[in-house]
Amino acid sequence: MKKVVAVFSIIAACYACGSGPAEVKKPISVNVNPQIDEGHATAVVAAVPASATNAAPAAAAPAKDGKALIAGSDCLACHNETNKLVGPSYAEVAKKYKEADIPKLVKKIIDGGSGVWGEIPMPPHAALVHDDVEAMVKYILTIK
């Protein structure tokens, strides 16, 4: 009975964290690394002199750090890199999925779901920005 109560408590906590009043989606990357924001990419492009148009293309904005984005989110409440907690470990996810599955995994994280890893559902994370979730998934798929 204690296990059942504990499982339902965890589900309720995860559900509460993942759903709430609709709010404007703000990339958590800005909170984790202030250099990763929309203005940074503009500054890089604006810094290229007009005479350099025939030169090599300007450096792209730095890639978002999936590990830092995960650390700044609520993912670690249910997941761990190597050990199963409420949900599967990231290593288990990396074994099961490939790069071709990234769009499906991004949608699953944002929309939530259940049944793939057991009966405990993953709550939706609708407040996360698509690009941040994609960076997180790409990082997860590198864990072995």
C-alpha atoms as a PDB file:
ATOM      1  CA  MET A   1       0.000   0.000   0.000  1.00  0.00           C
ATOM      2  CA  LYS A   2       2.870   2.358   0.817  1.00  0.00           C
ATOM      3  CA  LYS A   3       4.354   1.796  -2.632  1.00  0.00           C
ATOM      4  CA  VAL A   4       1.057   2.606  -4.321  1.00  0.00           C
ATOM      5  CA  VAL A   5       0.709   5.826  -2.328  1.00  0.00           C
ATOM      6  CA  ALA A   6       4.329   6.743  -3.108  1.00  0.00           C
ATOM      7  CA  VAL A   7       3.862   6.128  -6.847  1.00  0.00           C
ATOM      8  CA  PHE A   8       0.674   8.193  -6.973  1.00  0.00           C
ATOM      9  CA  SER A   9       2.367  10.967  -5.005  1.00  0.00           C
ATOM     10  CA  ILE A  10       5.209  11.062  -7.508  1.00  0.00           C
ATOM     11  CA  ILE A  11       2.759  11.073 -10.412  1.00  0.00           C
ATOM     12  CA  ALA A  12       0.821  13.925  -8.840  1.00  0.00           C
ATOM     13  CA  ALA A  13       4.028  15.899  -8.252  1.00  0.00           C
ATOM     14  CA  CYS A  14       5.232  15.343 -11.815  1.00  0.00           C
ATOM     15  CA  TYR A  15       1.842  16.272 -13.208  1.00  0.00           C
ATOM     16  CA  ALA A  16       1.744  19.415 -11.098  1.00  0.00           C
ATOM     17  CA  CYS A  17       5.186  20.465 -12.331  1.00  0.00           C
ATOM     18  CA  GLY A  18       4.315  19.903 -15.972  1.00  0.00           C
ATOM     19  CA  SER A  19       0.947  21.572 -16.141  1.00  0.00           C
ATOM     20  CA  GLY A  20      -0.246  24.919 -15.012  1.00  0.00           C
ATOM     21  CA  PRO A  21      -1.583  28.170 -16.347  1.00  0.00           C
ATOM     22  CA  ALA A  22      -0.537  28.952 -19.887  1.00  0.00           C
ATOM     23  CA  GLU A  23       2.541  31.122 -19.916  1.00  0.00           C
ATOM     24  CA  VAL A  24       4.732  32.614 -22.576  1.00  0.00           C
ATOM     25  CA  LYS A  25       7.362  30.143 -23.693  1.00  0.00           C
ATOM     26  CA  LYS A  26      10.772  31.446 -22.704  1.00  0.00           C
ATOM     27  CA  PRO A  27      13.835  29.403 -23.628  1.00  0.00           C
ATOM     28  CA  ILE A  28      15.440  28.026 -20.504  1.00  0.00           C
ATOM     29  CA  SER A  29      18.731  28.382 -22.342  1.00  0.00           C
ATOM     30  CA  VAL A  30      18.645  32.101 -21.569  1.00  0.00           C
ATOM     31  CA  ASN A  31      18.485  31.294 -17.860  1.00  0.00           C
ATOM     32  CA  VAL A  32      21.198  28.622 -18.053  1.00  0.00           C
ATOM     33  CA  ASN A  33      23.593  30.474 -20.334  1.00  0.00           C
ATOM     34  CA  PRO A  34      22.780  34.143 -20.977  1.00  0.00           C
ATOM     35  CA  GLN A  35      25.048  34.151 -24.028  1.00  0.00           C
ATOM     36  CA  ILE A  36      22.608  31.817 -25.769  1.00  0.00           C
ATOM     37  CA  ASP A  37      19.804  34.127 -26.718  1.00  0.00           C
ATOM     38  CA  GLU A  38      18.269  35.711 -29.761  1.00  0.00           C
ATOM     39  CA  GLY A  39      20.327  38.914 -29.478  1.00  0.00           C
ATOM     40  CA  HIS A  40      23.635  37.026 -29.526  1.00  0.00           C
ATOM     41  CA  ALA A  41      23.090  35.626 -33.008  1.00  0.00           C
ATOM     42  CA  THR A  42      22.158  39.101 -34.256  1.00  0.00           C
ATOM     43  CA  ALA A  43      25.308  40.575 -32.728  1.00  0.00           C
ATOM     44  CA  VAL A  44      27.468  38.009 -34.526  1.00  0.00           C
ATOM     45  CA  VAL A  45      25.870  38.815 -37.874  1.00  0.00           C
ATOM     46  CA  ALA A  46      26.037  42.581 -37.283  1.00  0.00           C
ATOM     47  CA  ALA A  47      29.754  42.370 -36.442  1.00  0.00           C
ATOM     48  CA  VAL A  48      30.622  41.082 -39.931  1.00  0.00           C
ATOM     49  CA  PRO A  49      31.867  43.984 -42.089  1.00  0.00           C
ATOM     50  CA  ALA A  50      30.196  44.554 -45.444  1.00  0.00           C
ATOM     51  CA  SER A  51      33.497  43.902 -47.247  1.00  0.00           C
ATOM     52  CA  ALA A  52      33.515  40.353 -45.901  1.00  0.00           C
ATOM     53  CA  THR A  53      30.454  39.230 -47.846  1.00  0.00           C
ATOM     54  CA  ASN A  54      32.580  37.172 -50.221  1.00  0.00           C
ATOM     55  CA  ALA A  55      34.637  35.728 -47.398  1.00  0.00           C
ATOM     56  CA  ALA A  56      33.819  32.601 -45.406  1.00  0.00           C
ATOM     57  CA  PRO A  57      30.355  32.576 -43.822  1.00  0.00           C
ATOM     58  CA  ALA A  58      30.041  34.132 -40.379  1.00  0.00           C
ATOM     59  CA  ALA A  59      30.205  31.796 -37.417  1.00  0.00           C
ATOM     60  CA  ALA A  60      26.830  30.434 -36.424  1.00  0.00           C
ATOM     61  CA  ALA A  61      25.401  31.015 -32.969  1.00  0.00           C
ATOM     62  CA  PRO A  62      26.807  28.553 -30.448  1.00  0.00           C
ATOM     63  CA  ALA A  63      24.907  25.299 -30.067  1.00  0.00           C
ATOM     64  CA  LYS A  64      22.704  25.058 -27.014  1.00  0.00           C
ATOM     65  CA  ASP A  65      24.117  22.942 -24.213  1.00  0.00           C
ATOM     66  CA  GLY A  66      21.645  20.089 -23.699  1.00  0.00           C
ATOM     67  CA  LYS A  67      23.213  19.001 -20.417  1.00  0.00           C
ATOM     68  CA  ALA A  68      22.925  22.510 -18.946  1.00  0.00           C
ATOM     69  CA  LEU A  69      19.354  22.806 -20.200  1.00  0.00           C
ATOM     70  CA  ILE A  70      18.452  19.543 -18.471  1.00  0.00           C
ATOM     71  CA  ALA A  71      20.099  20.733 -15.260  1.00  0.00           C
ATOM     72  CA  GLY A  72      17.975  23.891 -15.395  1.00  0.00           C
ATOM     73  CA  SER A  73      14.717  22.008 -15.927  1.00  0.00           C
ATOM     74  CA  ASP A  74      12.647  19.570 -13.877  1.00  0.00           C
ATOM     75  CA  CYS A  75      13.842  16.504 -15.843  1.00  0.00           C
ATOM     76  CA  LEU A  76      16.180  15.303 -13.104  1.00  0.00           C
ATOM     77  CA  ALA A  77      13.234  14.834 -10.733  1.00  0.00           C
ATOM     78  CA  CYS A  78      12.281  11.704 -12.690  1.00  0.00           C
ATOM     79  CA  HIS A  79      15.362  10.820 -14.769  1.00  0.00           C
ATOM     80  CA  ASN A  80      19.058  10.118 -14.178  1.00  0.00           C
ATOM     81  CA  GLU A  81      21.894   9.563 -16.635  1.00  0.00           C
ATOM     82  CA  THR A  82      22.564   5.949 -15.671  1.00  0.00           C
ATOM     83  CA  ASN A  83      19.920   4.784 -13.157  1.00  0.00           C
ATOM     84  CA  LYS A  84      16.190   4.354 -13.583  1.00  0.00           C
ATOM     85  CA  LEU A  85      14.208   6.605 -11.250  1.00  0.00           C
ATOM     86  CA  VAL A  86      10.528   7.281 -11.982  1.00  0.00           C
ATOM     87  CA  GLY A  87      11.271   7.279 -15.686  1.00  0.00           C
ATOM     88  CA  PRO A  88      14.003   5.533 -17.690  1.00  0.00           C
ATOM     89  CA  SER A  89      17.650   6.521 -17.420  1.00  0.00           C
ATOM     90  CA  TYR A  90      19.043   8.624 -20.232  1.00  0.00           C
ATOM     91  CA  ALA A  91      21.379   5.740 -21.110  1.00  0.00           C
ATOM     92  CA  GLU A  92      18.335   3.469 -21.631  1.00  0.00           C
ATOM     93  CA  VAL A  93      16.723   6.097 -23.857  1.00  0.00           C
ATOM     94  CA  ALA A  94      19.951   6.450 -25.870  1.00  0.00           C
ATOM     95  CA  LYS A  95      20.069   2.673 -26.426  1.00  0.00           C
ATOM     96  CA  LYS A  96      16.479   2.571 -27.662  1.00  0.00           C
ATOM     97  CA  TYR A  97      16.367   5.637 -29.922  1.00  0.00           C
ATOM     98  CA  LYS A  98      18.487   7.021 -32.756  1.00  0.00           C
ATOM     99  CA  GLU A  99      18.924  10.478 -34.337  1.00  0.00           C
ATOM    100  CA  ALA A 100      16.022   9.791 -36.691  1.00  0.00           C
ATOM    101  CA  ASP A 101      13.748   9.665 -33.619  1.00  0.00           C
ATOM    102  CA  ILE A 102      14.626  13.190 -32.415  1.00  0.00           C
ATOM    103  CA  PRO A 103      11.416  14.853 -33.725  1.00  0.00           C
ATOM    104  CA  LYS A 104       9.286  12.114 -32.134  1.00  0.00           C
ATOM    105  CA  LEU A 105      11.104  12.439 -28.790  1.00  0.00           C
ATOM    106  CA  VAL A 106      10.818  16.245 -28.795  1.00  0.00           C
ATOM    107  CA  LYS A 107       7.066  15.950 -29.366  1.00  0.00           C
ATOM    108  CA  LYS A 108       6.782  13.304 -26.630  1.00  0.00           C
ATOM    109  CA  ILE A 109       8.555  15.526 -24.087  1.00  0.00           C
ATOM    110  CA  ILE A 110       6.462  18.590 -24.924  1.00  0.00           C
ATOM    111  CA  ASP A 111       3.127  16.718 -25.135  1.00  0.00           C
ATOM    112  CA  GLY A 112       3.779  14.095 -22.418  1.00  0.00           C
ATOM    113  CA  GLY A 113       2.689  10.480 -22.719  1.00  0.00           C
ATOM    114  CA  SER A 114       2.713   7.006 -21.246  1.00  0.00           C
ATOM    115  CA  GLY A 115       3.016   3.340 -22.021  1.00  0.00           C
ATOM    116  CA  VAL A 116       6.441   3.230 -23.629  1.00  0.00           C
ATOM    117  CA  TRP A 117       8.450   2.738 -20.417  1.00  0.00           C
ATOM    118  CA  GLY A 118       5.721   1.466 -18.126  1.00  0.00           C
ATOM    119  CA  GLU A 119       2.474   2.641 -16.650  1.00  0.00           C
ATOM    120  CA  ILE A 120       3.702   5.864 -15.025  1.00  0.00           C
ATOM    121  CA  PRO A 121       2.955   8.762 -17.395  1.00  0.00           C
ATOM    122  CA  MET A 122       5.351  11.559 -18.221  1.00  0.00           C
ATOM    123  CA  PRO A 123       3.594  14.894 -17.747  1.00  0.00           C
ATOM    124  CA  PRO A 124       3.589  17.390 -20.607  1.00  0.00           C
ATOM    125  CA  HIS A 125       6.266  20.086 -20.654  1.00  0.00           C
ATOM    126  CA  ALA A 126       4.417  22.574 -22.844  1.00  0.00           C
ATOM    127  CA  ALA A 127       6.319  25.532 -21.384  1.00  0.00           C
ATOM    128  CA  LEU A 128       9.601  24.307 -22.904  1.00  0.00           C
ATOM    129  CA  VAL A 129      10.741  25.736 -26.219  1.00  0.00           C
ATOM    130  CA  HIS A 130      11.141  23.292 -29.117  1.00  0.00           C
ATOM    131  CA  ASP A 131      14.807  24.204 -29.770  1.00  0.00           C
ATOM    132  CA  ASP A 132      15.715  23.689 -26.099  1.00  0.00           C
ATOM    133  CA  VAL A 133      14.013  20.294 -26.012  1.00  0.00           C
ATOM    134  CA  GLU A 134      15.791  19.302 -29.219  1.00  0.00           C
ATOM    135  CA  ALA A 135      19.167  20.221 -27.682  1.00  0.00           C
ATOM    136  CA  MET A 136      18.270  18.161 -24.598  1.00  0.00           C
ATOM    137  CA  VAL A 137      17.319  15.136 -26.704  1.00  0.00           C
ATOM    138  CA  LYS A 138      20.505  15.381 -28.768  1.00  0.00           C
ATOM    139  CA  TYR A 139      22.527  15.388 -25.553  1.00  0.00           C
ATOM    140  CA  ILE A 140      20.583  12.425 -24.134  1.00  0.00           C
ATOM    141  CA  LEU A 141      21.270  10.386 -27.268  1.00  0.00           C
ATOM    142  CA  THR A 142      25.022  10.814 -26.698  1.00  0.00           C
ATOM    143  CA  ILE A 143      24.904   9.122 -23.273  1.00  0.00           C
ATOM    144  CA  LYS A 144      26.057   5.522 -23.308  1.00  0.00           C
END
